[in-house]
C-alpha atoms as a PDB file:
ATOM      1  CA  MET A   1       0.000   0.000   0.000  1.00  0.00           C
ATOM      2  CA  LEU A   2       2.847   2.360   0.897  1.00  0.00           C
ATOM      3  CA  ASN A   3       4.504   1.768  -2.480  1.00  0.00           C
ATOM      4  CA  LYS A   4       1.268   2.689  -4.242  1.00  0.00           C
ATOM      5  CA  LEU A   5       1.063   5.967  -2.326  1.00  0.00           C
ATOM      6  CA  ASN A   6       4.722   6.717  -3.014  1.00  0.00           C
ATOM      7  CA  ASN A   7       4.075   6.378  -6.747  1.00  0.00           C
ATOM      8  CA  ARG A   8       1.697   9.358  -6.683  1.00  0.00           C
ATOM      9  CA  ARG A   9       2.749  13.008  -6.884  1.00  0.00           C
ATOM     10  CA  LYS A  10       3.126  14.898  -3.605  1.00  0.00           C
ATOM     11  CA  GLU A  11       0.387  17.355  -4.641  1.00  0.00           C
ATOM     12  CA  PHE A  12      -1.934  14.401  -5.209  1.00  0.00           C
ATOM     13  CA  LEU A  13      -1.136  13.019  -1.746  1.00  0.00           C
ATOM     14  CA  GLU A  14      -1.794  16.411  -0.176  1.00  0.00           C
ATOM     15  CA  ASP A  15      -5.248  16.527  -1.793  1.00  0.00           C
ATOM     16  CA  LEU A  16      -5.932  12.914  -0.817  1.00  0.00           C
ATOM     17  CA  SER A  17      -4.989  13.513   2.810  1.00  0.00           C
ATOM     18  CA  TYR A  18      -7.490  16.375   2.928  1.00  0.00           C
ATOM     19  CA  GLN A  19     -10.255  14.191   1.468  1.00  0.00           C
ATOM     20  CA  PHE A  20      -9.530  11.511   4.075  1.00  0.00           C
ATOM     21  CA  SER A  21      -9.813  13.999   6.955  1.00  0.00           C
ATOM     22  CA  ASP A  22     -12.648  13.381   9.390  1.00  0.00           C
ATOM     23  CA  ASP A  23     -13.048  17.108   9.990  1.00  0.00           C
ATOM     24  CA  LYS A  24     -12.443  19.068   6.802  1.00  0.00           C
ATOM     25  CA  SER A  25     -12.902  22.357   8.630  1.00  0.00           C
ATOM     26  CA  ALA A  26      -9.575  21.566  10.301  1.00  0.00           C
ATOM     27  CA  LEU A  27      -8.018  21.068   6.835  1.00  0.00           C
ATOM     28  CA  ARG A  28      -6.286  17.780   7.716  1.00  0.00           C
ATOM     29  CA  ASP A  29      -5.895  15.364  10.589  1.00  0.00           C
ATOM     30  CA  PHE A  30      -2.167  16.074  10.731  1.00  0.00           C
ATOM     31  CA  ASP A  31       0.346  18.797   9.849  1.00  0.00           C
ATOM     32  CA  ILE A  32       2.019  18.313   6.459  1.00  0.00           C
ATOM     33  CA  THR A  33       4.251  21.389   6.575  1.00  0.00           C
ATOM     34  CA  ASN A  34       7.570  19.620   7.052  1.00  0.00           C
ATOM     35  CA  LEU A  35       6.757  16.320   5.381  1.00  0.00           C
ATOM     36  CA  ASN A  36       8.365  15.157   2.145  1.00  0.00           C
ATOM     37  CA  LYS A  37       6.456  12.848  -0.211  1.00  0.00           C
ATOM     38  CA  LYS A  38       7.569   9.664   1.520  1.00  0.00           C
ATOM     39  CA  GLY A  39       6.741  11.035   4.949  1.00  0.00           C
ATOM     40  CA  LEU A  40       3.339  12.207   3.734  1.00  0.00           C
ATOM     41  CA  ALA A  41       2.546   8.783   2.294  1.00  0.00           C
ATOM     42  CA  GLU A  42       3.536   7.111   5.577  1.00  0.00           C
ATOM     43  CA  LYS A  43       1.387   9.531   7.556  1.00  0.00           C
ATOM     44  CA  ILE A  44      -1.666   8.956   5.345  1.00  0.00           C
ATOM     45  CA  LEU A  45      -1.333   5.192   5.768  1.00  0.00           C
ATOM     46  CA  GLU A  46      -0.811   5.542   9.521  1.00  0.00           C
ATOM     47  CA  LYS A  47      -3.808   7.831  10.070  1.00  0.00           C
ATOM     48  CA  HIS A  48      -6.204   6.380   7.489  1.00  0.00           C
ATOM     49  CA  PRO A  49      -5.393   2.707   6.726  1.00  0.00           C
ATOM     50  CA  ASP A  50      -9.002   1.731   5.991  1.00  0.00           C
ATOM     51  CA  LYS A  51      -9.702   4.726   3.764  1.00  0.00           C
ATOM     52  CA  THR A  52      -6.433   4.172   1.908  1.00  0.00           C
ATOM     53  CA  ASN A  53      -7.307   0.532   1.332  1.00  0.00           C
ATOM     54  CA  GLN A  54     -10.772   1.507   0.099  1.00  0.00           C
ATOM     55  CA  PHE A  55      -9.299   4.071  -2.302  1.00  0.00           C
ATOM     56  CA  PHE A  56      -7.040   1.494  -3.937  1.00  0.00           C
ATOM     57  CA  ASP A  57      -9.879  -1.046  -4.020  1.00  0.00           C
ATOM     58  CA  TYR A  58     -11.874   1.515  -6.020  1.00  0.00           C
ATOM     59  CA  TYR A  59      -8.919   1.984  -8.364  1.00  0.00           C
ATOM     60  CA  THR A  60      -8.578  -1.782  -8.854  1.00  0.00           C
ATOM     61  CA  GLU A  61     -12.253  -1.966  -9.854  1.00  0.00           C
ATOM     62  CA  LEU A  62     -11.869   0.868 -12.381  1.00  0.00           C
ATOM     63  CA  LYS A  63      -8.849  -0.854 -13.876  1.00  0.00           C
ATOM     64  CA  LYS A  64     -10.500  -4.283 -13.910  1.00  0.00           C
ATOM     65  CA  GLU A  65     -13.581  -2.897 -15.675  1.00  0.00           C
ATOM     66  CA  ASN A  66     -11.345  -0.900 -18.047  1.00  0.00           C
ATOM     67  CA  VAL A  67     -13.287   2.285 -17.335  1.00  0.00           C
ATOM     68  CA  HIS A  68     -12.558   4.900 -19.997  1.00  0.00           C
ATOM     69  CA  LEU A  69     -11.889   8.411 -18.763  1.00  0.00           C
ATOM     70  CA  ASN A  70     -13.738  10.067 -21.628  1.00  0.00           C
ATOM     71  CA  SER A  71     -16.994   8.273 -20.845  1.00  0.00           C
ATOM     72  CA  ALA A  72     -16.619   9.074 -17.136  1.00  0.00           C
ATOM     73  CA  LYS A  73     -15.925  12.734 -17.884  1.00  0.00           C
ATOM     74  CA  SER A  74     -18.895  12.943 -20.237  1.00  0.00           C
ATOM     75  CA  HIS A  75     -21.199  11.494 -17.576  1.00  0.00           C
ATOM     76  CA  LEU A  76     -19.965  13.873 -14.857  1.00  0.00           C
ATOM     77  CA  ASN A  77     -20.208  16.869 -17.147  1.00  0.00           C
ATOM     78  CA  LYS A  78     -23.779  16.074 -18.242  1.00  0.00           C
ATOM     79  CA  GLU A  79     -25.104  15.033 -14.840  1.00  0.00           C
ATOM     80  CA  TYR A  80     -23.358  17.561 -12.598  1.00  0.00           C
ATOM     81  CA  ASN A  81     -22.151  20.273 -14.961  1.00  0.00           C
ATOM     82  CA  ILE A  82     -18.567  19.780 -13.790  1.00  0.00           C
ATOM     83  CA  SER A  83     -16.307  22.165 -15.686  1.00  0.00           C
ATOM     84  CA  ARG A  84     -13.706  21.237 -18.300  1.00  0.00           C
ATOM     85  CA  ASP A  85     -10.982  22.564 -15.994  1.00  0.00           C
ATOM     86  CA  ASP A  86     -12.010  20.183 -13.220  1.00  0.00           C
ATOM     87  CA  LEU A  87     -12.153  17.331 -15.747  1.00  0.00           C
ATOM     88  CA  ASP A  88      -8.674  18.048 -17.096  1.00  0.00           C
ATOM     89  CA  PHE A  89      -6.897  14.900 -15.889  1.00  0.00           C
ATOM     90  CA  ASP A  90      -5.336  11.812 -17.443  1.00  0.00           C
ATOM     91  CA  THR A  91      -5.490   8.994 -14.887  1.00  0.00           C
ATOM     92  CA  ARG A  92      -8.097   6.954 -13.056  1.00  0.00           C
ATOM     93  CA  TYR A  93      -6.452   8.002  -9.781  1.00  0.00           C
ATOM     94  CA  GLU A  94      -7.363  11.596 -10.527  1.00  0.00           C
ATOM     95  CA  LEU A  95     -10.884  10.544 -11.505  1.00  0.00           C
ATOM     96  CA  LEU A  96     -11.283   8.945  -8.070  1.00  0.00           C
ATOM     97  CA  LEU A  97      -9.896  12.016  -6.338  1.00  0.00           C
ATOM     98  CA  LEU A  98     -12.419  14.190  -8.172  1.00  0.00           C
ATOM     99  CA  LEU A  99     -15.258  11.912  -7.018  1.00  0.00           C
ATOM    100  CA  TYR A 100     -14.042  12.343  -3.448  1.00  0.00           C
ATOM    101  CA  GLU A 101     -13.726  16.121  -3.859  1.00  0.00           C
ATOM    102  CA  LYS A 102     -17.250  16.459  -5.273  1.00  0.00           C
ATOM    103  CA  ASP A 103     -18.660  14.055  -2.656  1.00  0.00           C
ATOM    104  CA  LEU A 104     -19.805  11.718  -5.460  1.00  0.00           C
ATOM    105  CA  ILE A 105     -17.862   8.556  -4.684  1.00  0.00           C
ATOM    106  CA  ASP A 106     -20.839   6.765  -3.133  1.00  0.00           C
ATOM    107  CA  SER A 107     -23.487   7.878  -5.615  1.00  0.00           C
ATOM    108  CA  GLU A 108     -21.561   7.779  -8.902  1.00  0.00           C
ATOM    109  CA  PHE A 109     -18.872   5.108  -8.709  1.00  0.00           C
ATOM    110  CA  ASP A 110     -21.069   2.202  -9.846  1.00  0.00           C
ATOM    111  CA  LYS A 111     -22.770   4.380 -12.468  1.00  0.00           C
ATOM    112  CA  ILE A 112     -19.452   5.348 -14.021  1.00  0.00           C
ATOM    113  CA  LYS A 113     -18.400   1.700 -14.296  1.00  0.00           C
ATOM    114  CA  LEU A 114     -21.711   0.780 -15.862  1.00  0.00           C
ATOM    115  CA  PHE A 115     -21.962   3.650 -18.353  1.00  0.00           C
ATOM    116  CA  SER A 116     -18.357   3.218 -19.459  1.00  0.00           C
ATOM    117  CA  LYS A 117     -18.921  -0.440 -20.270  1.00  0.00           C
ATOM    118  CA  ILE A 118     -22.130   0.306 -22.158  1.00  0.00           C
ATOM    119  CA  ILE A 119     -20.403   2.989 -24.231  1.00  0.00           C
ATOM    120  CA  ARG A 120     -17.338   0.816 -24.858  1.00  0.00           C
ATOM    121  CA  LYS A 121     -18.988  -2.501 -25.708  1.00  0.00           C
ATOM    122  CA  GLY A 122     -22.615  -1.862 -26.355  1.00  0.00           C
ATOM    123  CA  TYR A 123     -22.844  -0.378 -29.812  1.00  0.00           C
ATOM    124  CA  GLU A 124     -22.184  -3.679 -31.564  1.00  0.00           C
ATOM    125  CA  LYS A 125     -24.970  -5.330 -29.531  1.00  0.00           C
ATOM    126  CA  SER A 126     -27.822  -2.865 -30.055  1.00  0.00           C
ATOM    127  CA  PHE A 127     -31.445  -3.796 -30.646  1.00  0.00           C
ATOM    128  CA  THR A 128     -34.731  -2.007 -31.219  1.00  0.00           C
ATOM    129  CA  LEU A 129     -37.980  -2.784 -29.430  1.00  0.00           C
ATOM    130  CA  GLU A 130     -41.131  -1.330 -30.938  1.00  0.00           C
ATOM    131  CA  THR A 131     -43.490  -1.124 -27.977  1.00  0.00           C
ATOM    132  CA  SER A 132     -44.335   1.254 -25.168  1.00  0.00           C
ATOM    133  CA  LEU A 133     -42.407   0.852 -21.902  1.00  0.00           C
ATOM    134  CA  ASN A 134     -43.570   2.073 -18.506  1.00  0.00           C
ATOM    135  CA  ILE A 135     -40.796   2.727 -15.972  1.00  0.00           C
ATOM    136  CA  ASP A 136     -42.793   4.716 -13.412  1.00  0.00           C
ATOM    137  CA  ASN A 137     -42.910   1.926 -10.832  1.00  0.00           C
ATOM    138  CA  ILE A 138     -39.611   0.332 -11.774  1.00  0.00           C
ATOM    139  CA  LYS A 139     -38.165   0.125  -8.250  1.00  0.00           C
ATOM    140  CA  ASN A 140     -41.038  -1.969  -6.888  1.00  0.00           C
ATOM    141  CA  LYS A 141     -41.163  -4.176  -9.968  1.00  0.00           C
ATOM    142  CA  ILE A 142     -37.449  -4.977  -9.725  1.00  0.00           C
ATOM    143  CA  GLN A 143     -37.817  -5.808  -6.050  1.00  0.00           C
ATOM    144  CA  GLU A 144     -40.787  -8.058  -6.797  1.00  0.00           C
ATOM    145  CA  PHE A 145     -38.811  -9.798  -9.551  1.00  0.00           C
ATOM    146  CA  GLN A 146     -35.866 -10.421  -7.203  1.00  0.00           C
ATOM    147  CA  ASP A 147     -38.237 -11.814  -4.569  1.00  0.00           C
ATOM    148  CA  TYR A 148     -39.785 -14.104  -7.174  1.00  0.00           C
ATOM    149  CA  TRP A 149     -36.437 -15.302  -8.531  1.00  0.00           C
ATOM    150  CA  ASN A 150     -34.517 -15.656  -5.260  1.00  0.00           C
ATOM    151  CA  LYS A 151     -37.261 -16.851  -2.921  1.00  0.00           C
ATOM    152  CA  GLU A 152     -39.989 -18.556  -4.920  1.00  0.00           C
ATOM    153  CA  GLN A 153     -37.765 -20.245  -7.501  1.00  0.00           C
ATOM    154  CA  LYS A 154     -35.515 -22.298  -5.220  1.00  0.00           C
ATOM    155  CA  ASP A 155     -33.819 -24.162  -8.068  1.00  0.00           C
ATOM    156  CA  LEU A 156     -32.459 -21.000  -9.711  1.00  0.00           C
ATOM    157  CA  ASN A 157     -29.100 -19.374  -9.025  1.00  0.00           C
ATOM    158  CA  PRO A 158     -29.619 -16.206  -6.938  1.00  0.00           C
ATOM    159  CA  LEU A 159     -29.253 -12.807  -8.563  1.00  0.00           C
ATOM    160  CA  SER A 160     -29.069  -9.137  -7.672  1.00  0.00           C
ATOM    161  CA  ILE A 161     -30.036  -6.134  -9.817  1.00  0.00           C
ATOM    162  CA  LYS A 162     -28.778  -2.552  -9.792  1.00  0.00           C
ATOM    163  CA  TYR A 163     -30.404   0.127 -11.905  1.00  0.00           C
ATOM    164  CA  PHE A 164     -29.884   3.807 -12.701  1.00  0.00           C
ATOM    165  CA  LYS A 165     -32.757   5.814 -14.074  1.00  0.00           C
ATOM    166  CA  LYS A 166     -32.577   8.989 -16.148  1.00  0.00           C
ATOM    167  CA  GLU A 167     -35.283  11.009 -17.828  1.00  0.00           C
ATOM    168  CA  LYS A 168     -35.214   9.094 -21.118  1.00  0.00           C
ATOM    169  CA  SER A 169     -33.157   6.023 -20.323  1.00  0.00           C
ATOM    170  CA  ILE A 170     -32.628   3.380 -17.707  1.00  0.00           C
ATOM    171  CA  SER A 171     -29.552   1.184 -17.203  1.00  0.00           C
ATOM    172  CA  PHE A 172     -29.383  -2.170 -15.461  1.00  0.00           C
ATOM    173  CA  GLU A 173     -26.650  -4.399 -14.097  1.00  0.00           C
ATOM    174  CA  ILE A 174     -27.518  -7.960 -13.125  1.00  0.00           C
ATOM    175  CA  TYR A 175     -25.218 -10.156 -11.027  1.00  0.00           C
ATOM    176  CA  LYS A 176     -25.900 -13.885 -10.858  1.00  0.00           C
ATOM    177  CA  GLU A 177     -24.222 -16.904  -9.335  1.00  0.00           C
ATOM    178  CA  TYR A 178     -23.097 -19.557 -11.794  1.00  0.00           C
ATOM    179  CA  GLY A 179     -21.224 -22.825 -11.897  1.00  0.00           C
ATOM    180  CA  GLY A 180     -23.526 -25.036  -9.885  1.00  0.00           C
ATOM    181  CA  GLY A 181     -22.212 -24.466  -6.392  1.00  0.00           C
ATOM    182  CA  LYS A 182     -19.383 -23.570  -4.059  1.00  0.00           C
ATOM    183  CA  ARG A 183     -15.770 -23.364  -5.233  1.00  0.00           C
ATOM    184  CA  SER A 184     -12.504 -23.001  -3.363  1.00  0.00           C
ATOM    185  CA  ILE A 185      -9.075 -21.526  -3.984  1.00  0.00           C
ATOM    186  CA  ASP A 186      -5.767 -21.806  -2.148  1.00  0.00           C
ATOM    187  CA  THR A 187      -4.783 -18.763  -0.125  1.00  0.00           C
ATOM    188  CA  PHE A 188      -2.373 -17.874   2.664  1.00  0.00           C
ATOM    189  CA  LYS A 189      -4.059 -17.974   6.063  1.00  0.00           C
ATOM    190  CA  PHE A 190      -2.415 -14.749   7.262  1.00  0.00           C
ATOM    191  CA  ARG A 191      -4.402 -12.857   4.614  1.00  0.00           C
ATOM    192  CA  LYS A 192      -7.650 -13.830   6.325  1.00  0.00           C
ATOM    193  CA  LEU A 193      -6.250 -12.638   9.632  1.00  0.00           C
ATOM    194  CA  GLU A 194      -5.396  -9.277   8.000  1.00  0.00           C
ATOM    195  CA  MET A 195      -1.804  -9.373   9.246  1.00  0.00           C
ATOM    196  CA  GLU A 196       0.366  -6.503   8.019  1.00  0.00           C
ATOM    197  CA  GLU A 197       3.480  -8.646   7.503  1.00  0.00           C
ATOM    198  CA  PRO A 198       3.606 -12.269   6.282  1.00  0.00           C
ATOM    199  CA  PRO A 199       5.023 -14.866   8.709  1.00  0.00           C
ATOM    200  CA  GLN A 200       8.216 -16.696   7.911  1.00  0.00           C
ATOM    201  CA  HIS A 201       6.319 -19.846   6.889  1.00  0.00           C
ATOM    202  CA  PRO A 202       2.787 -18.884   5.784  1.00  0.00           C
ATOM    203  CA  GLU A 203       0.116 -21.546   6.198  1.00  0.00           C
ATOM    204  CA  ILE A 204      -1.935 -22.481   3.171  1.00  0.00           C
ATOM    205  CA  ASP A 205      -5.696 -22.420   3.632  1.00  0.00           C
ATOM    206  CA  LYS A 206      -8.786 -22.879   1.495  1.00  0.00           C
ATOM    207  CA  GLU A 207     -11.083 -19.962   0.760  1.00  0.00           C
ATOM    208  CA  GLN A 208     -14.562 -20.886  -0.408  1.00  0.00           C
ATOM    209  CA  TYR A 209     -16.739 -18.728  -2.626  1.00  0.00           C
ATOM    210  CA  TYR A 210     -19.681 -18.770  -5.005  1.00  0.00           C
ATOM    211  CA  PRO A 211     -18.631 -17.270  -8.377  1.00  0.00           C
ATOM    212  CA  LEU A 212     -20.616 -14.401  -9.898  1.00  0.00           C
ATOM    213  CA  LYS A 213     -21.057 -13.208 -13.449  1.00  0.00           C
ATOM    214  CA  ASN A 214     -22.750 -10.023 -14.619  1.00  0.00           C
ATOM    215  CA  ILE A 215     -24.317  -8.348 -17.613  1.00  0.00           C
ATOM    216  CA  GLN A 216     -25.197  -4.713 -18.200  1.00  0.00           C
ATOM    217  CA  PHE A 217     -27.773  -3.236 -20.528  1.00  0.00           C
ATOM    218  CA  LYS A 218     -29.322   0.139 -21.209  1.00  0.00           C
ATOM    219  CA  ILE A 219     -32.735   1.055 -22.600  1.00  0.00           C
ATOM    220  CA  ASP A 220     -33.091   4.375 -24.408  1.00  0.00           C
ATOM    221  CA  ILE A 221     -36.790   5.086 -24.195  1.00  0.00           C
ATOM    222  CA  SER A 222     -38.955   6.805 -26.801  1.00  0.00           C
ATOM    223  CA  GLU A 223     -42.690   6.704 -27.333  1.00  0.00           C
ATOM    224  CA  ASN A 224     -42.969   3.510 -29.368  1.00  0.00           C
ATOM    225  CA  LYS A 225     -39.432   2.593 -30.432  1.00  0.00           C
ATOM    226  CA  ASN A 226     -36.824   1.835 -27.790  1.00  0.00           C
ATOM    227  CA  LYS A 227     -33.155   1.031 -28.182  1.00  0.00           C
ATOM    228  CA  ILE A 228     -31.626  -1.715 -26.023  1.00  0.00           C
ATOM    229  CA  ILE A 229     -27.846  -1.943 -25.699  1.00  0.00           C
ATOM    230  CA  PHE A 230     -26.289  -5.067 -24.178  1.00  0.00           C
ATOM    231  CA  THR A 231     -22.629  -5.260 -23.106  1.00  0.00           C
ATOM    232  CA  LYS A 232     -22.475  -9.023 -23.667  1.00  0.00           C
ATOM    233  CA  ARG A 233     -24.122 -11.602 -25.884  1.00  0.00           C
ATOM    234  CA  TYR A 234     -27.269 -12.483 -24.034  1.00  0.00           C
ATOM    235  CA  GLU A 235     -27.278 -15.973 -25.577  1.00  0.00           C
ATOM    236  CA  LYS A 236     -24.357 -16.965 -23.342  1.00  0.00           C
ATOM    237  CA  GLY A 237     -26.099 -17.848 -20.118  1.00  0.00           C
ATOM    238  CA  TRP A 238     -28.433 -14.840 -19.843  1.00  0.00           C
ATOM    239  CA  LYS A 239     -31.366 -15.591 -22.111  1.00  0.00           C
ATOM    240  CA  ASN A 240     -33.596 -17.202 -19.479  1.00  0.00           C
ATOM    241  CA  VAL A 241     -32.910 -14.490 -16.890  1.00  0.00           C
ATOM    242  CA  LEU A 242     -33.587 -11.661 -19.325  1.00  0.00           C
ATOM    243  CA  LYS A 243     -36.692 -13.301 -20.736  1.00  0.00           C
ATOM    244  CA  GLU A 244     -38.163 -13.563 -17.215  1.00  0.00           C
ATOM    245  CA  PHE A 245     -36.948 -10.075 -16.327  1.00  0.00           C
ATOM    246  CA  PHE A 246     -38.688  -8.372 -19.253  1.00  0.00           C
ATOM    247  CA  LYS A 247     -41.838 -10.399 -18.706  1.00  0.00           C
ATOM    248  CA  PHE A 248     -42.000  -9.579 -15.003  1.00  0.00           C
ATOM    249  CA  VAL A 249     -40.818  -5.947 -15.035  1.00  0.00           C
ATOM    250  CA  PHE A 250     -42.172  -4.693 -18.378  1.00  0.00           C
ATOM    251  CA  ASP A 251     -44.949  -7.208 -19.047  1.00  0.00           C
ATOM    252  CA  ILE A 252     -43.326  -8.281 -22.356  1.00  0.00           C
ATOM    253  CA  ASP A 253     -43.637 -11.949 -23.284  1.00  0.00           C
ATOM    254  CA  GLU A 254     -40.856 -13.572 -25.334  1.00  0.00           C
ATOM    255  CA  ILE A 255     -38.666 -10.464 -25.514  1.00  0.00           C
ATOM    256  CA  PHE A 256     -36.192 -12.044 -27.958  1.00  0.00           C
ATOM    257  CA  ASP A 257     -38.916 -12.568 -30.529  1.00  0.00           C
ATOM    258  CA  LYS A 258     -39.702  -8.853 -30.383  1.00  0.00           C
ATOM    259  CA  ILE A 259     -36.311  -7.158 -30.603  1.00  0.00           C
ATOM    260  CA  GLU A 260     -34.435  -6.550 -33.841  1.00  0.00           C
ATOM    261  CA  SER A 261     -30.693  -6.223 -34.158  1.00  0.00           C
ATOM    262  CA  GLU A 262     -29.345  -2.862 -35.322  1.00  0.00           C
ATOM    263  CA  LYS A 263     -26.722  -3.147 -38.019  1.00  0.00           C
ATOM    264  CA  SER A 264     -25.321  -0.332 -40.104  1.00  0.00           C
ATOM    265  CA  ARG A 265     -26.363  -0.243 -43.764  1.00  0.00           C
ATOM    266  CA  TRP A 266     -22.711   0.058 -44.734  1.00  0.00           C
ATOM    267  CA  ALA A 267     -21.780  -3.117 -42.832  1.00  0.00           C
ATOM    268  CA  THR A 268     -24.731  -4.970 -44.352  1.00  0.00           C
ATOM    269  CA  ASN A 269     -23.622  -3.992 -47.865  1.00  0.00           C
ATOM    270  CA  ILE A 270     -20.060  -5.106 -47.154  1.00  0.00           C
ATOM    271  CA  GLN A 271     -21.336  -8.430 -45.889  1.00  0.00           C
ATOM    272  CA  SER A 272     -23.402  -8.977 -49.064  1.00  0.00           C
ATOM    273  CA  GLU A 273     -20.442  -8.152 -51.303  1.00  0.00           C
ATOM    274  CA  MET A 274     -18.211 -10.496 -49.313  1.00  0.00           C
ATOM    275  CA  PHE A 275     -20.620 -13.423 -49.739  1.00  0.00           C
ATOM    276  CA  GLN A 276     -20.876 -12.734 -53.470  1.00  0.00           C
ATOM    277  CA  MET A 277     -17.081 -12.846 -53.802  1.00  0.00           C
ATOM    278  CA  LEU A 278     -16.978 -16.142 -51.905  1.00  0.00           C
ATOM    279  CA  GLU A 279     -19.569 -17.600 -54.255  1.00  0.00           C
ATOM    280  CA  ASP A 280     -17.361 -16.506 -57.173  1.00  0.00           C
ATOM    281  CA  GLY A 281     -14.364 -18.275 -55.599  1.00  0.00           C
ATOM    282  CA  GLU A 282     -12.505 -15.066 -54.652  1.00  0.00           C
ATOM    283  CA  ASN A 283     -10.771 -14.157 -51.390  1.00  0.00           C
ATOM    284  CA  PRO A 284     -12.483 -10.981 -50.079  1.00  0.00           C
ATOM    285  CA  GLN A 285      -9.877 -10.026 -47.465  1.00  0.00           C
ATOM    286  CA  GLU A 286      -7.954  -7.361 -49.396  1.00  0.00           C
ATOM    287  CA  TYR A 287     -11.155  -5.922 -50.812  1.00  0.00           C
ATOM    288  CA  ILE A 288     -12.749  -5.601 -47.360  1.00  0.00           C
ATOM    289  CA  GLU A 289      -9.594  -4.063 -45.854  1.00  0.00           C
ATOM    290  CA  GLU A 290      -9.547  -1.462 -48.651  1.00  0.00           C
ATOM    291  CA  LYS A 291     -13.242  -0.721 -48.099  1.00  0.00           C
ATOM    292  CA  ILE A 292     -12.636  -0.231 -44.376  1.00  0.00           C
ATOM    293  CA  GLU A 293      -9.699   2.119 -44.983  1.00  0.00           C
ATOM    294  CA  ASN A 294     -11.717   4.215 -47.442  1.00  0.00           C
ATOM    295  CA  ARG A 295     -14.648   4.362 -45.035  1.00  0.00           C
ATOM    296  CA  LYS A 296     -12.323   5.466 -42.226  1.00  0.00           C
ATOM    297  CA  LYS A 297     -11.015   8.306 -44.402  1.00  0.00           C
ATOM    298  CA  ASP A 298     -14.567   9.434 -45.214  1.00  0.00           C
ATOM    299  CA  VAL A 299     -15.637   9.390 -41.558  1.00  0.00           C
ATOM    300  CA  ILE A 300     -12.515  11.245 -40.389  1.00  0.00           C
ATOM    301  CA  GLU A 301     -13.140  13.879 -43.051  1.00  0.00           C
ATOM    302  CA  GLU A 302     -16.743  14.283 -41.841  1.00  0.00           C
ATOM    303  CA  ILE A 303     -15.533  14.641 -38.240  1.00  0.00           C
ATOM    304  CA  GLU A 304     -12.925  17.253 -39.186  1.00  0.00           C
ATOM    305  CA  GLU A 305     -15.600  19.287 -40.975  1.00  0.00           C
ATOM    306  CA  SER A 306     -18.042  19.082 -38.047  1.00  0.00           C
ATOM    307  CA  GLU A 307     -18.542  21.755 -35.381  1.00  0.00           C
ATOM    308  CA  ILE A 308     -18.024  19.637 -32.274  1.00  0.00           C
ATOM    309  CA  GLY A 309     -14.778  21.312 -31.198  1.00  0.00           C
ATOM    310  CA  GLU A 310     -11.116  20.483 -31.806  1.00  0.00           C
ATOM    311  CA  GLU A 311     -10.686  18.288 -28.717  1.00  0.00           C
ATOM    312  CA  LYS A 312     -13.620  16.003 -29.564  1.00  0.00           C
ATOM    313  CA  GLN A 313     -12.570  15.926 -33.218  1.00  0.00           C
ATOM    314  CA  GLU A 314      -9.084  14.787 -32.258  1.00  0.00           C
ATOM    315  CA  ASN A 315     -10.348  12.100 -29.860  1.00  0.00           C
ATOM    316  CA  LEU A 316     -12.877  10.726 -32.352  1.00  0.00           C
ATOM    317  CA  CYS A 317     -10.344  10.647 -35.186  1.00  0.00           C
ATOM    318  CA  LYS A 318      -7.922   8.692 -32.985  1.00  0.00           C
ATOM    319  CA  ILE A 319     -10.626   6.143 -32.238  1.00  0.00           C
ATOM    320  CA  ILE A 320     -11.650   5.803 -35.894  1.00  0.00           C
ATOM    321  CA  ASP A 321      -8.015   5.384 -36.912  1.00  0.00           C
ATOM    322  CA  THR A 322      -7.673   2.277 -34.713  1.00  0.00           C
ATOM    323  CA  ILE A 323     -10.446   0.407 -36.556  1.00  0.00           C
ATOM    324  CA  ASN A 324      -9.248  -2.479 -38.702  1.00  0.00           C
ATOM    325  CA  LEU A 325     -10.276  -5.932 -39.873  1.00  0.00           C
ATOM    326  CA  GLY A 326      -9.999  -7.798 -36.599  1.00  0.00           C
ATOM    327  CA  GLY A 327     -11.028 -11.221 -37.896  1.00  0.00           C
ATOM    328  CA  TRP A 328     -13.794 -13.145 -39.561  1.00  0.00           C
ATOM    329  CA  ILE A 329     -15.129 -16.690 -39.491  1.00  0.00           C
ATOM    330  CA  ILE A 330     -16.668 -18.410 -42.481  1.00  0.00           C
ATOM    331  CA  ASN A 331     -18.347 -21.763 -42.021  1.00  0.00           C
ATOM    332  CA  GLU A 332     -18.979 -24.512 -44.565  1.00  0.00           C
ATOM    333  CA  ASP A 333     -16.854 -23.001 -47.306  1.00  0.00           C
ATOM    334  CA  GLN A 334     -14.135 -25.222 -48.788  1.00  0.00           C
ATOM    335  CA  TYR A 335     -12.178 -22.272 -50.116  1.00  0.00           C
ATOM    336  CA  LEU A 336     -12.028 -20.307 -46.870  1.00  0.00           C
ATOM    337  CA  GLU A 337     -13.119 -22.583 -44.062  1.00  0.00           C
ATOM    338  CA  ASN A 338     -10.995 -21.036 -41.309  1.00  0.00           C
ATOM    339  CA  GLU A 339     -10.591 -18.056 -39.068  1.00  0.00           C
ATOM    340  CA  GLY A 340      -9.398 -14.943 -40.781  1.00  0.00           C
ATOM    341  CA  PRO A 341      -6.351 -12.939 -39.759  1.00  0.00           C
ATOM    342  CA  SER A 342      -6.328 -10.685 -36.730  1.00  0.00           C
END
């Protein structure tokens, strides 16, 4: 823990020590006047071991979920009107510090993880649902669904649902046990005892746990045509849960018969051309790569001519420039029955 603190700038540690203070009117719980960076880090850990541990646990979660700073900044700017100057940072550590400074760590941490994943992964798994959705009593309906699933259906793996509601959208995160029962891993016993230093000969112990998996999805709500964005393929272990969820919460039977996948017209055309080339006995790889490069140039040109501001233009162009042919799979074709290059 001390090494992690020592890797931060002294100015960062000064701000962190203030945020950890029990009485902010007294500035800090200790005098930092004559402390160098190492001494300040040691003092923070001495005075606030639990808060320091929690801070780095938060950071580990952000890193594990690969939370993108741009999506987090966009959310904080839209929801709380936080200025560009306050959002001028480049690390997840500074994002966490801002959440502490704005007293948002409890209310926004889970939202930021969720929204970042939806933005990062969701656009390739988007669907439309042409029906009216009522979310007025959503809290009670979710609670009733959890009671039904966890208490009445004894043979089902337990689940838990988080949700975040906005004016025209609602986002969900479902956690569910999987794997058919308890598992165990080897661990050192002194870790359970929360000892600061390991003993000379650590004992090996078993730690038992029930594994969890999760899925996130967002519904953008309009009068009769809604957009649903999933962060994972719902076919992989989520179809039954989601089918029951939509039936119970939104009164929609057989949800997967009623949603339609969104696919860009450009991608659909490319796919058709590729299949035609395969039928003609040609390898479409070079052709598709050229098409992608030309499309990237067109999109970048459109972005550069837009009026969204230089910073957003630069960020979007960098993202577009990373797009390439990542791989393709063609089944039941003797000419190209393999996985494409990546």
